[in-house]
Amino acid sequence: MAMTIAISRFASISFWFLILFAIHSYQPSMAHEDIEKRLKFEQGWPVLQEAAAKAIRIADGADDQRFTSQEYMLYYTTVYDMCKPMQEKDHCQELYDQYKKIFEDYFTCKVLPSLLGMEGEIVLRELARRWSNYQVITRWFSRFFKYLDRYFLPIRKLPSLKETSFIIFYDLVYGEMNDQVTDALITVINRERNGEQIDQALMKNVLAMYVEFGMDPMKYYYKDFEEAMVQDTSAFYSEKASSWIKSESYKNYMLKAKDCLINERERAHDYLQSSSLKKLLKVVEHELLSVYASDLQEKKQLEEFPFTDTMIP
C-alpha cells in the first residue's frame, strides 16, 4: 500500500514538473520570429519573376532546360513564405495581381502581335501554337502558385488561377481575333465541303479552345463559332441547291444530298462538338430537300414518266 502511494505521489510530482518545464521553456518571441522569417514582396517577387521568364522561354522553345525538382521547391516555398497565414500582412493579393500581369504582358507583347495581320489557315496554325505554349506556362504557374489556388482564391471567391488566365487570354487575344478566327474556320470547312483535303487535327485543336474558355464549357463555342457556322452552312447549301436543281437529274440530286448529309455527320464526328451534328443535319435537309421539295417531286415524275411526242393524241 505504501509503495502504491509513493508511486502515485511520484507520478503527480513528475506531471507538474513537466508542466513547469514547458512553461519555463516557452518563448513568446517564437511567433514573432516566424513573422520575421516571411519574405517581403520585394525579396520574393524577383525569384518568381525568374520562374515566369523561364516558363515562357520553355513554352516558346527558347530554352530546352526543364525545371528541376529543386527549382520547383524553391518557387513553391517562395510563394508559401510570402503568403503563410501567421504573418501580420501576407502578400497574396499582390502575388495574384502580379500573376495576372505576367499573362497580360505576355499576351499583349508577344502573342497578339504574332497573330495580327494573319488570315486563313495561317492564323489558325499560329493561334494553335500560341494556345499550346500558353497551356504549358499555365501548368507551371499553377504549380508554383498553388497556395493561392488552395487558400486565398476560394476565400476571396475569385476565379482559379487557370480560369483567371483563360479570361485574360480571351479578353486580350481571342477577343481581338474572334472575327478573323471564325472566318478562317468557316473558310476551311467550306474548302473541305468542296472536296479539298484539310488539316482536321488543326481544326480540332483550335475548336477545343472554345470549349476550354471560362467556367461554362460550351458558352463560347455556341456564341463565337457555332451560330456563325450554322448560318454559313445554310448559305453554302442554299447556293449548292439552287445550282443542282437546274443541272442535275432527280437521281443525281438525291445522291448529292445524301453524300452531303453523310459528310456533315463525319465532319461533326471528326472535329466539331457533338452538339453541332443535329443543327447541321437540320440545315442541310432544309436547304437541299425541304426548300425544293415540289421541284424535286416534279423532276421525279418527269423522269419516271417522260413526256414524248408519241403521247400526243
C-alpha atoms as a PDB file:
ATOM      1  CA  MET A   1       0.000   0.000   0.000  1.00  0.00           C
ATOM      2  CA  ALA A   2       2.807   2.386   0.955  1.00  0.00           C
ATOM      3  CA  MET A   3       4.542   1.524  -2.287  1.00  0.00           C
ATOM      4  CA  THR A   4       1.401   2.404  -4.288  1.00  0.00           C
ATOM      5  CA  ILE A   5       1.056   5.794  -2.537  1.00  0.00           C
ATOM      6  CA  ALA A   6       4.707   6.569  -3.187  1.00  0.00           C
ATOM      7  CA  ILE A   7       4.364   5.773  -6.887  1.00  0.00           C
ATOM      8  CA  SER A   8       1.226   7.922  -7.103  1.00  0.00           C
ATOM      9  CA  ARG A   9       2.986  10.895  -5.443  1.00  0.00           C
ATOM     10  CA  PHE A  10       5.991  10.488  -7.722  1.00  0.00           C
ATOM     11  CA  ALA A  11       3.753  10.471 -10.820  1.00  0.00           C
ATOM     12  CA  SER A  12       1.954  13.605  -9.614  1.00  0.00           C
ATOM     13  CA  ILE A  13       5.242  15.432  -8.921  1.00  0.00           C
ATOM     14  CA  SER A  14       6.585  14.368 -12.346  1.00  0.00           C
ATOM     15  CA  PHE A  15       3.480  15.679 -14.099  1.00  0.00           C
ATOM     16  CA  TRP A  16       3.732  19.129 -12.512  1.00  0.00           C
ATOM     17  CA  PHE A  17       7.457  19.228 -13.122  1.00  0.00           C
ATOM     18  CA  LEU A  18       6.802  18.701 -16.866  1.00  0.00           C
ATOM     19  CA  ILE A  19       4.185  21.448 -16.880  1.00  0.00           C
ATOM     20  CA  LEU A  20       6.539  23.910 -15.165  1.00  0.00           C
ATOM     21  CA  PHE A  21       9.342  22.968 -17.558  1.00  0.00           C
ATOM     22  CA  ALA A  22       7.100  23.563 -20.587  1.00  0.00           C
ATOM     23  CA  ILE A  23       6.051  26.974 -19.259  1.00  0.00           C
ATOM     24  CA  HIS A  24       9.618  27.932 -18.496  1.00  0.00           C
ATOM     25  CA  SER A  25      10.781  26.741 -21.942  1.00  0.00           C
ATOM     26  CA  TYR A  26       8.091  28.644 -23.913  1.00  0.00           C
ATOM     27  CA  GLN A  27       9.492  31.623 -25.763  1.00  0.00           C
ATOM     28  CA  PRO A  28       6.951  34.327 -26.641  1.00  0.00           C
ATOM     29  CA  SER A  29       9.246  35.543 -29.387  1.00  0.00           C
ATOM     30  CA  MET A  30       8.709  32.352 -31.475  1.00  0.00           C
ATOM     31  CA  ALA A  31       5.616  33.741 -33.200  1.00  0.00           C
ATOM     32  CA  HIS A  32       7.487  36.981 -33.834  1.00  0.00           C
ATOM     33  CA  GLU A  33      10.438  35.057 -35.255  1.00  0.00           C
ATOM     34  CA  ASP A  34       8.118  33.208 -37.617  1.00  0.00           C
ATOM     35  CA  ILE A  35       6.783  36.524 -38.869  1.00  0.00           C
ATOM     36  CA  GLU A  36      10.305  37.817 -39.328  1.00  0.00           C
ATOM     37  CA  LYS A  37      11.121  34.785 -41.463  1.00  0.00           C
ATOM     38  CA  ARG A  38       8.492  35.726 -44.015  1.00  0.00           C
ATOM     39  CA  LEU A  39       9.712  37.054 -47.298  1.00  0.00           C
ATOM     40  CA  LYS A  40       8.983  40.630 -48.123  1.00  0.00           C
ATOM     41  CA  PHE A  41       7.422  41.166 -51.517  1.00  0.00           C
ATOM     42  CA  GLU A  42      10.498  42.875 -52.908  1.00  0.00           C
ATOM     43  CA  GLN A  43      12.585  39.876 -51.808  1.00  0.00           C
ATOM     44  CA  GLY A  44      10.366  37.094 -53.116  1.00  0.00           C
ATOM     45  CA  TRP A  45       8.970  38.532 -56.309  1.00  0.00           C
ATOM     46  CA  PRO A  46      12.290  38.697 -58.241  1.00  0.00           C
ATOM     47  CA  VAL A  47      12.683  34.950 -57.608  1.00  0.00           C
ATOM     48  CA  LEU A  48       9.235  34.298 -59.058  1.00  0.00           C
ATOM     49  CA  GLN A  49       9.937  36.597 -61.987  1.00  0.00           C
ATOM     50  CA  GLU A  50      12.849  34.334 -62.867  1.00  0.00           C
ATOM     51  CA  ALA A  51      10.473  31.360 -62.771  1.00  0.00           C
ATOM     52  CA  ALA A  52       7.983  33.150 -65.030  1.00  0.00           C
ATOM     53  CA  ALA A  53      10.662  34.135 -67.528  1.00  0.00           C
ATOM     54  CA  LYS A  54      11.970  30.573 -67.717  1.00  0.00           C
ATOM     55  CA  ALA A  55       8.474  29.087 -68.115  1.00  0.00           C
ATOM     56  CA  ILE A  56       7.813  31.444 -71.036  1.00  0.00           C
ATOM     57  CA  ARG A  57      11.161  30.589 -72.646  1.00  0.00           C
ATOM     58  CA  ILE A  58      10.440  26.864 -72.317  1.00  0.00           C
ATOM     59  CA  ALA A  59       6.956  27.253 -73.807  1.00  0.00           C
ATOM     60  CA  ASP A  60       8.221  29.363 -76.710  1.00  0.00           C
ATOM     61  CA  GLY A  61      11.017  26.895 -77.448  1.00  0.00           C
ATOM     62  CA  ALA A  62      13.828  29.256 -76.469  1.00  0.00           C
ATOM     63  CA  ASP A  63      15.002  27.149 -73.516  1.00  0.00           C
ATOM     64  CA  ASP A  64      15.294  23.356 -73.501  1.00  0.00           C
ATOM     65  CA  GLN A  65      16.259  23.164 -69.815  1.00  0.00           C
ATOM     66  CA  ARG A  66      13.271  21.945 -67.842  1.00  0.00           C
ATOM     67  CA  PHE A  67      12.566  22.926 -64.257  1.00  0.00           C
ATOM     68  CA  THR A  68      14.400  20.780 -61.737  1.00  0.00           C
ATOM     69  CA  SER A  69      12.782  19.490 -58.563  1.00  0.00           C
ATOM     70  CA  GLN A  70      14.972  21.912 -56.594  1.00  0.00           C
ATOM     71  CA  GLU A  71      13.708  24.851 -58.650  1.00  0.00           C
ATOM     72  CA  TYR A  72      10.120  23.737 -58.230  1.00  0.00           C
ATOM     73  CA  MET A  73      10.509  23.574 -54.444  1.00  0.00           C
ATOM     74  CA  LEU A  74      12.230  26.965 -54.396  1.00  0.00           C
ATOM     75  CA  TYR A  75       9.394  28.681 -56.265  1.00  0.00           C
ATOM     76  CA  TYR A  76       6.644  26.901 -54.363  1.00  0.00           C
ATOM     77  CA  THR A  77       8.162  27.688 -50.958  1.00  0.00           C
ATOM     78  CA  THR A  78       8.806  31.274 -52.030  1.00  0.00           C
ATOM     79  CA  VAL A  79       5.093  31.731 -52.651  1.00  0.00           C
ATOM     80  CA  TYR A  80       4.271  29.986 -49.384  1.00  0.00           C
ATOM     81  CA  ASP A  81       6.718  32.120 -47.399  1.00  0.00           C
ATOM     82  CA  MET A  82       5.139  35.249 -48.842  1.00  0.00           C
ATOM     83  CA  CYS A  83       1.608  34.084 -48.031  1.00  0.00           C
ATOM     84  CA  LYS A  84       1.707  31.923 -44.888  1.00  0.00           C
ATOM     85  CA  PRO A  85      -1.196  32.711 -42.589  1.00  0.00           C
ATOM     86  CA  MET A  86       0.789  33.505 -39.409  1.00  0.00           C
ATOM     87  CA  GLN A  87       2.021  36.732 -40.926  1.00  0.00           C
ATOM     88  CA  GLU A  88       0.803  40.148 -39.854  1.00  0.00           C
ATOM     89  CA  LYS A  89       0.323  41.016 -43.522  1.00  0.00           C
ATOM     90  CA  ASP A  90       0.625  38.488 -46.320  1.00  0.00           C
ATOM     91  CA  HIS A  91       1.288  39.212 -49.983  1.00  0.00           C
ATOM     92  CA  CYS A  92      -1.428  37.022 -51.507  1.00  0.00           C
ATOM     93  CA  GLN A  93      -3.269  39.842 -53.253  1.00  0.00           C
ATOM     94  CA  GLU A  94      -0.030  41.313 -54.584  1.00  0.00           C
ATOM     95  CA  LEU A  95       1.025  37.920 -55.936  1.00  0.00           C
ATOM     96  CA  TYR A  96      -2.367  37.375 -57.559  1.00  0.00           C
ATOM     97  CA  ASP A  97      -2.171  40.795 -59.204  1.00  0.00           C
ATOM     98  CA  GLN A  98       1.330  40.062 -60.483  1.00  0.00           C
ATOM     99  CA  TYR A  99       0.241  36.631 -61.713  1.00  0.00           C
ATOM    100  CA  LYS A 100      -2.373  38.361 -63.856  1.00  0.00           C
ATOM    101  CA  LYS A 101       0.108  40.974 -65.041  1.00  0.00           C
ATOM    102  CA  ILE A 102       2.527  38.289 -66.283  1.00  0.00           C
ATOM    103  CA  PHE A 103      -0.154  36.941 -68.612  1.00  0.00           C
ATOM    104  CA  GLU A 104      -1.353  40.396 -69.613  1.00  0.00           C
ATOM    105  CA  ASP A 105       2.172  41.410 -70.633  1.00  0.00           C
ATOM    106  CA  TYR A 106       2.852  38.106 -72.400  1.00  0.00           C
ATOM    107  CA  PHE A 107      -0.366  38.207 -74.410  1.00  0.00           C
ATOM    108  CA  THR A 108      -0.098  41.901 -75.257  1.00  0.00           C
ATOM    109  CA  CYS A 109       3.590  41.995 -76.144  1.00  0.00           C
ATOM    110  CA  LYS A 110       4.189  38.564 -77.675  1.00  0.00           C
ATOM    111  CA  VAL A 111       1.066  36.625 -78.577  1.00  0.00           C
ATOM    112  CA  LEU A 112      -1.245  39.230 -80.110  1.00  0.00           C
ATOM    113  CA  PRO A 113       1.431  40.873 -82.324  1.00  0.00           C
ATOM    114  CA  SER A 114       2.276  37.447 -83.771  1.00  0.00           C
ATOM    115  CA  LEU A 115      -1.353  36.994 -84.893  1.00  0.00           C
ATOM    116  CA  LEU A 116      -2.293  40.423 -86.214  1.00  0.00           C
ATOM    117  CA  GLY A 117      -2.476  40.611 -89.988  1.00  0.00           C
ATOM    118  CA  MET A 118      -2.778  36.849 -90.465  1.00  0.00           C
ATOM    119  CA  GLU A 119      -5.699  35.208 -92.233  1.00  0.00           C
ATOM    120  CA  GLY A 120      -6.969  31.793 -93.232  1.00  0.00           C
ATOM    121  CA  GLU A 121      -5.211  28.636 -92.187  1.00  0.00           C
ATOM    122  CA  ILE A 122      -2.052  30.574 -91.278  1.00  0.00           C
ATOM    123  CA  VAL A 123      -3.772  32.382 -88.408  1.00  0.00           C
ATOM    124  CA  LEU A 124      -5.242  29.073 -87.200  1.00  0.00           C
ATOM    125  CA  ARG A 125      -1.801  27.451 -87.065  1.00  0.00           C
ATOM    126  CA  GLU A 126      -0.251  30.349 -85.191  1.00  0.00           C
ATOM    127  CA  LEU A 127      -3.173  30.550 -82.777  1.00  0.00           C
ATOM    128  CA  ALA A 128      -2.962  26.801 -82.086  1.00  0.00           C
ATOM    129  CA  ARG A 129       0.777  27.130 -81.432  1.00  0.00           C
ATOM    130  CA  ARG A 130       0.306  30.080 -79.098  1.00  0.00           C
ATOM    131  CA  TRP A 131      -2.525  28.303 -77.296  1.00  0.00           C
ATOM    132  CA  SER A 132      -0.328  25.248 -76.742  1.00  0.00           C
ATOM    133  CA  ASN A 133       2.501  27.444 -75.406  1.00  0.00           C
ATOM    134  CA  TYR A 134       0.113  29.247 -73.105  1.00  0.00           C
ATOM    135  CA  GLN A 135      -1.100  25.942 -71.645  1.00  0.00           C
ATOM    136  CA  VAL A 136       2.494  24.953 -70.824  1.00  0.00           C
ATOM    137  CA  ILE A 137       3.017  28.240 -68.985  1.00  0.00           C
ATOM    138  CA  THR A 138      -0.257  27.848 -67.117  1.00  0.00           C
ATOM    139  CA  ARG A 139       0.606  24.337 -65.939  1.00  0.00           C
ATOM    140  CA  TRP A 140       3.874  25.513 -64.388  1.00  0.00           C
ATOM    141  CA  PHE A 141       2.391  28.649 -62.867  1.00  0.00           C
ATOM    142  CA  SER A 142      -0.451  26.659 -61.322  1.00  0.00           C
ATOM    143  CA  ARG A 143       2.146  24.536 -59.523  1.00  0.00           C
ATOM    144  CA  PHE A 144       4.268  27.427 -58.319  1.00  0.00           C
ATOM    145  CA  PHE A 145       1.271  29.493 -57.152  1.00  0.00           C
ATOM    146  CA  LYS A 146      -0.717  26.532 -55.835  1.00  0.00           C
ATOM    147  CA  TYR A 147      -1.035  28.080 -52.379  1.00  0.00           C
ATOM    148  CA  LEU A 148      -3.158  30.871 -53.860  1.00  0.00           C
ATOM    149  CA  ASP A 149      -5.424  28.340 -55.564  1.00  0.00           C
ATOM    150  CA  ARG A 150      -5.942  26.285 -52.410  1.00  0.00           C
ATOM    151  CA  TYR A 151      -6.452  29.024 -49.842  1.00  0.00           C
ATOM    152  CA  PHE A 152      -6.518  32.640 -50.974  1.00  0.00           C
ATOM    153  CA  LEU A 153      -8.742  32.480 -54.059  1.00  0.00           C
ATOM    154  CA  PRO A 154     -11.532  30.290 -52.572  1.00  0.00           C
ATOM    155  CA  ILE A 155     -11.760  32.539 -49.502  1.00  0.00           C
ATOM    156  CA  ARG A 156     -12.000  35.651 -51.673  1.00  0.00           C
ATOM    157  CA  LYS A 157     -14.381  33.885 -54.082  1.00  0.00           C
ATOM    158  CA  LEU A 158     -12.090  34.686 -57.000  1.00  0.00           C
ATOM    159  CA  PRO A 159     -11.616  32.586 -60.164  1.00  0.00           C
ATOM    160  CA  SER A 160      -8.961  29.885 -60.003  1.00  0.00           C
ATOM    161  CA  LEU A 161      -5.540  30.585 -61.477  1.00  0.00           C
ATOM    162  CA  LYS A 162      -6.436  28.615 -64.596  1.00  0.00           C
ATOM    163  CA  GLU A 163      -9.767  30.381 -65.025  1.00  0.00           C
ATOM    164  CA  THR A 164      -8.087  33.737 -64.462  1.00  0.00           C
ATOM    165  CA  SER A 165      -5.571  33.119 -67.230  1.00  0.00           C
ATOM    166  CA  PHE A 166      -8.354  31.881 -69.553  1.00  0.00           C
ATOM    167  CA  ILE A 167     -10.261  35.109 -69.023  1.00  0.00           C
ATOM    168  CA  ILE A 168      -7.171  37.184 -69.808  1.00  0.00           C
ATOM    169  CA  PHE A 169      -6.422  35.126 -72.937  1.00  0.00           C
ATOM    170  CA  TYR A 170      -9.993  35.518 -74.124  1.00  0.00           C
ATOM    171  CA  ASP A 171     -10.109  39.271 -73.496  1.00  0.00           C
ATOM    172  CA  LEU A 172      -6.680  40.229 -74.825  1.00  0.00           C
ATOM    173  CA  VAL A 173      -6.076  37.684 -77.589  1.00  0.00           C
ATOM    174  CA  TYR A 174      -9.204  35.927 -78.735  1.00  0.00           C
ATOM    175  CA  GLY A 175     -11.403  38.973 -78.226  1.00  0.00           C
ATOM    176  CA  GLU A 176      -9.209  40.830 -80.711  1.00  0.00           C
ATOM    177  CA  MET A 177      -9.003  37.936 -83.193  1.00  0.00           C
ATOM    178  CA  ASN A 178     -12.504  36.488 -82.899  1.00  0.00           C
ATOM    179  CA  ASP A 179     -13.809  37.554 -86.318  1.00  0.00           C
ATOM    180  CA  GLN A 180     -10.648  36.539 -88.187  1.00  0.00           C
ATOM    181  CA  VAL A 181     -10.516  33.148 -86.481  1.00  0.00           C
ATOM    182  CA  THR A 182     -14.207  32.376 -87.038  1.00  0.00           C
ATOM    183  CA  ASP A 183     -13.958  33.386 -90.702  1.00  0.00           C
ATOM    184  CA  ALA A 184     -10.842  31.238 -91.118  1.00  0.00           C
ATOM    185  CA  LEU A 185     -12.519  28.199 -89.551  1.00  0.00           C
ATOM    186  CA  ILE A 186     -15.598  28.514 -91.743  1.00  0.00           C
ATOM    187  CA  THR A 187     -13.463  29.034 -94.862  1.00  0.00           C
ATOM    188  CA  VAL A 188     -11.544  25.826 -94.158  1.00  0.00           C
ATOM    189  CA  ILE A 189     -14.777  23.908 -93.522  1.00  0.00           C
ATOM    190  CA  ASN A 190     -16.182  25.065 -96.860  1.00  0.00           C
ATOM    191  CA  ARG A 191     -12.974  24.023 -98.600  1.00  0.00           C
ATOM    192  CA  GLU A 192     -13.492  20.541 -97.214  1.00  0.00           C
ATOM    193  CA  ARG A 193     -17.125  20.590 -98.343  1.00  0.00           C
ATOM    194  CA  ASN A 194     -15.880  21.363-101.838  1.00  0.00           C
ATOM    195  CA  GLY A 195     -13.642  18.306-101.809  1.00  0.00           C
ATOM    196  CA  GLU A 196     -10.285  19.641-100.580  1.00  0.00           C
ATOM    197  CA  GLN A 197      -8.160  17.848 -98.005  1.00  0.00           C
ATOM    198  CA  ILE A 198      -7.755  19.879 -94.810  1.00  0.00           C
ATOM    199  CA  ASP A 199      -5.817  19.535 -91.568  1.00  0.00           C
ATOM    200  CA  GLN A 200      -8.535  18.139 -89.311  1.00  0.00           C
ATOM    201  CA  ALA A 201      -6.195  17.896 -86.314  1.00  0.00           C
ATOM    202  CA  LEU A 202      -5.571  21.640 -86.570  1.00  0.00           C
ATOM    203  CA  MET A 203      -9.296  22.325 -86.706  1.00  0.00           C
ATOM    204  CA  LYS A 204      -9.892  20.132 -83.675  1.00  0.00           C
ATOM    205  CA  ASN A 205      -7.148  21.879 -81.679  1.00  0.00           C
ATOM    206  CA  VAL A 206      -8.424  25.367 -82.454  1.00  0.00           C
ATOM    207  CA  LEU A 207     -12.049  24.480 -81.752  1.00  0.00           C
ATOM    208  CA  ALA A 208     -11.031  22.903 -78.439  1.00  0.00           C
ATOM    209  CA  MET A 209     -10.147  26.395 -77.226  1.00  0.00           C
ATOM    210  CA  TYR A 210     -13.782  27.471 -77.381  1.00  0.00           C
ATOM    211  CA  VAL A 211     -14.740  24.645 -75.036  1.00  0.00           C
ATOM    212  CA  GLU A 212     -11.986  25.452 -72.526  1.00  0.00           C
ATOM    213  CA  PHE A 213     -12.742  29.159 -72.214  1.00  0.00           C
ATOM    214  CA  GLY A 214     -14.386  30.154 -68.941  1.00  0.00           C
ATOM    215  CA  MET A 215     -16.434  28.176 -66.451  1.00  0.00           C
ATOM    216  CA  ASP A 216     -19.246  27.294 -68.880  1.00  0.00           C
ATOM    217  CA  PRO A 217     -17.536  24.819 -71.238  1.00  0.00           C
ATOM    218  CA  MET A 218     -19.843  25.335 -74.245  1.00  0.00           C
ATOM    219  CA  LYS A 219     -20.787  29.008 -73.928  1.00  0.00           C
ATOM    220  CA  TYR A 220     -18.118  30.401 -76.248  1.00  0.00           C
ATOM    221  CA  TYR A 221     -18.337  27.521 -78.708  1.00  0.00           C
ATOM    222  CA  TYR A 222     -22.032  28.306 -79.204  1.00  0.00           C
ATOM    223  CA  LYS A 223     -21.707  32.078 -79.131  1.00  0.00           C
ATOM    224  CA  ASP A 224     -18.494  32.686 -81.055  1.00  0.00           C
ATOM    225  CA  PHE A 225     -18.407  29.802 -83.525  1.00  0.00           C
ATOM    226  CA  GLU A 226     -21.402  27.520 -83.857  1.00  0.00           C
ATOM    227  CA  GLU A 227     -24.003  30.197 -84.553  1.00  0.00           C
ATOM    228  CA  ALA A 228     -21.937  31.710 -87.372  1.00  0.00           C
ATOM    229  CA  MET A 229     -21.000  28.283 -88.721  1.00  0.00           C
ATOM    230  CA  VAL A 230     -24.621  27.105 -88.892  1.00  0.00           C
ATOM    231  CA  GLN A 231     -25.686  30.313 -90.665  1.00  0.00           C
ATOM    232  CA  ASP A 232     -22.881  29.924 -93.193  1.00  0.00           C
ATOM    233  CA  THR A 233     -23.801  26.260 -93.688  1.00  0.00           C
ATOM    234  CA  SER A 234     -27.313  27.354 -94.602  1.00  0.00           C
ATOM    235  CA  ALA A 235     -25.968  29.841 -97.170  1.00  0.00           C
ATOM    236  CA  PHE A 236     -23.491  27.283 -98.552  1.00  0.00           C
ATOM    237  CA  TYR A 237     -26.110  24.608 -99.222  1.00  0.00           C
ATOM    238  CA  SER A 238     -28.679  27.113-100.449  1.00  0.00           C
ATOM    239  CA  GLU A 239     -26.248  28.053-103.215  1.00  0.00           C
ATOM    240  CA  LYS A 240     -25.486  24.413-103.981  1.00  0.00           C
ATOM    241  CA  ALA A 241     -29.174  23.503-104.127  1.00  0.00           C
ATOM    242  CA  SER A 242     -30.072  26.357-106.490  1.00  0.00           C
ATOM    243  CA  SER A 243     -27.363  25.150-108.872  1.00  0.00           C
ATOM    244  CA  TRP A 244     -28.040  21.418-108.633  1.00  0.00           C
ATOM    245  CA  ILE A 245     -31.805  21.723-109.071  1.00  0.00           C
ATOM    246  CA  LYS A 246     -31.159  23.217-112.518  1.00  0.00           C
ATOM    247  CA  SER A 247     -28.352  20.936-113.659  1.00  0.00           C
ATOM    248  CA  GLU A 248     -28.866  17.545-112.032  1.00  0.00           C
ATOM    249  CA  SER A 249     -31.340  14.758-112.560  1.00  0.00           C
ATOM    250  CA  TYR A 250     -33.552  13.761-109.675  1.00  0.00           C
ATOM    251  CA  LYS A 251     -31.427  10.691-109.014  1.00  0.00           C
ATOM    252  CA  ASN A 252     -28.126  12.608-109.067  1.00  0.00           C
ATOM    253  CA  TYR A 253     -29.552  15.392-106.927  1.00  0.00           C
ATOM    254  CA  MET A 254     -30.694  12.944-104.268  1.00  0.00           C
ATOM    255  CA  LEU A 255     -27.321  11.175-104.324  1.00  0.00           C
ATOM    256  CA  LYS A 256     -25.554  14.505-103.799  1.00  0.00           C
ATOM    257  CA  ALA A 257     -27.909  15.373-100.949  1.00  0.00           C
ATOM    258  CA  LYS A 258     -27.237  12.002 -99.332  1.00  0.00           C
ATOM    259  CA  ASP A 259     -23.463  12.496 -99.648  1.00  0.00           C
ATOM    260  CA  CYS A 260     -23.741  15.941 -98.056  1.00  0.00           C
ATOM    261  CA  LEU A 261     -25.607  14.551 -95.058  1.00  0.00           C
ATOM    262  CA  ILE A 262     -23.044  11.767 -94.625  1.00  0.00           C
ATOM    263  CA  ASN A 263     -20.153  14.234 -94.894  1.00  0.00           C
ATOM    264  CA  GLU A 264     -21.668  16.600 -92.329  1.00  0.00           C
ATOM    265  CA  ARG A 265     -22.129  13.709 -89.937  1.00  0.00           C
ATOM    266  CA  GLU A 266     -18.470  12.708 -90.373  1.00  0.00           C
ATOM    267  CA  ARG A 267     -17.343  16.308 -90.006  1.00  0.00           C
ATOM    268  CA  ALA A 268     -19.143  16.690 -86.700  1.00  0.00           C
ATOM    269  CA  HIS A 269     -17.539  13.467 -85.504  1.00  0.00           C
ATOM    270  CA  ASP A 270     -14.019  14.401 -86.661  1.00  0.00           C
ATOM    271  CA  TYR A 271     -13.554  17.890 -85.212  1.00  0.00           C
ATOM    272  CA  LEU A 272     -16.802  19.621 -84.274  1.00  0.00           C
ATOM    273  CA  GLN A 273     -18.658  19.269 -80.994  1.00  0.00           C
ATOM    274  CA  SER A 274     -21.404  16.648 -80.927  1.00  0.00           C
ATOM    275  CA  SER A 275     -23.992  19.366 -80.286  1.00  0.00           C
ATOM    276  CA  SER A 276     -23.404  20.684 -83.807  1.00  0.00           C
ATOM    277  CA  LEU A 277     -24.495  17.497 -85.562  1.00  0.00           C
ATOM    278  CA  LYS A 278     -28.253  17.825 -85.180  1.00  0.00           C
ATOM    279  CA  LYS A 279     -28.168  21.512 -86.143  1.00  0.00           C
ATOM    280  CA  LEU A 280     -26.080  20.860 -89.246  1.00  0.00           C
ATOM    281  CA  LEU A 281     -28.256  17.993 -90.452  1.00  0.00           C
ATOM    282  CA  LYS A 282     -31.382  20.076 -89.946  1.00  0.00           C
ATOM    283  CA  VAL A 283     -29.952  22.927 -92.028  1.00  0.00           C
ATOM    284  CA  VAL A 284     -28.743  20.634 -94.824  1.00  0.00           C
ATOM    285  CA  GLU A 285     -32.071  18.800 -95.037  1.00  0.00           C
ATOM    286  CA  HIS A 286     -33.945  22.094 -95.128  1.00  0.00           C
ATOM    287  CA  GLU A 287     -31.842  23.717 -97.861  1.00  0.00           C
ATOM    288  CA  LEU A 288     -31.415  20.654-100.074  1.00  0.00           C
ATOM    289  CA  LEU A 289     -34.736  18.861 -99.581  1.00  0.00           C
ATOM    290  CA  SER A 290     -37.438  21.000 -97.981  1.00  0.00           C
ATOM    291  CA  VAL A 291     -36.903  24.199 -99.995  1.00  0.00           C
ATOM    292  CA  TYR A 292     -37.021  22.341-103.310  1.00  0.00           C
ATOM    293  CA  ALA A 293     -39.489  19.618-102.341  1.00  0.00           C
ATOM    294  CA  SER A 294     -42.022  20.494-105.052  1.00  0.00           C
ATOM    295  CA  ASP A 295     -39.314  20.905-107.710  1.00  0.00           C
ATOM    296  CA  LEU A 296     -37.840  17.539-106.786  1.00  0.00           C
ATOM    297  CA  GLN A 297     -41.232  15.870-106.913  1.00  0.00           C
ATOM    298  CA  GLU A 298     -41.814  17.322-110.371  1.00  0.00           C
ATOM    299  CA  LYS A 299     -38.362  16.158-111.527  1.00  0.00           C
ATOM    300  CA  LYS A 300     -39.055  12.688-110.224  1.00  0.00           C
ATOM    301  CA  GLN A 301     -42.380  12.414-112.014  1.00  0.00           C
ATOM    302  CA  LEU A 302     -40.954  13.675-115.295  1.00  0.00           C
ATOM    303  CA  GLU A 303     -38.073  11.210-115.135  1.00  0.00           C
ATOM    304  CA  GLU A 304     -40.332   8.306-114.209  1.00  0.00           C
ATOM    305  CA  PHE A 305     -42.940   9.178-116.825  1.00  0.00           C
ATOM    306  CA  PRO A 306     -41.127  11.141-119.527  1.00  0.00           C
ATOM    307  CA  PHE A 307     -43.317  13.172-121.863  1.00  0.00           C
ATOM    308  CA  THR A 308     -42.784  12.168-125.528  1.00  0.00           C
ATOM    309  CA  ASP A 309     -44.293  13.087-128.881  1.00  0.00           C
ATOM    310  CA  THR A 310     -45.949   9.675-129.081  1.00  0.00           C
ATOM    311  CA  MET A 311     -48.140  10.652-126.181  1.00  0.00           C
ATOM    312  CA  ILE A 312     -49.787  13.430-128.202  1.00  0.00           C
ATOM    313  CA  PRO A 313     -53.234  12.253-129.445  1.00  0.00           C
END
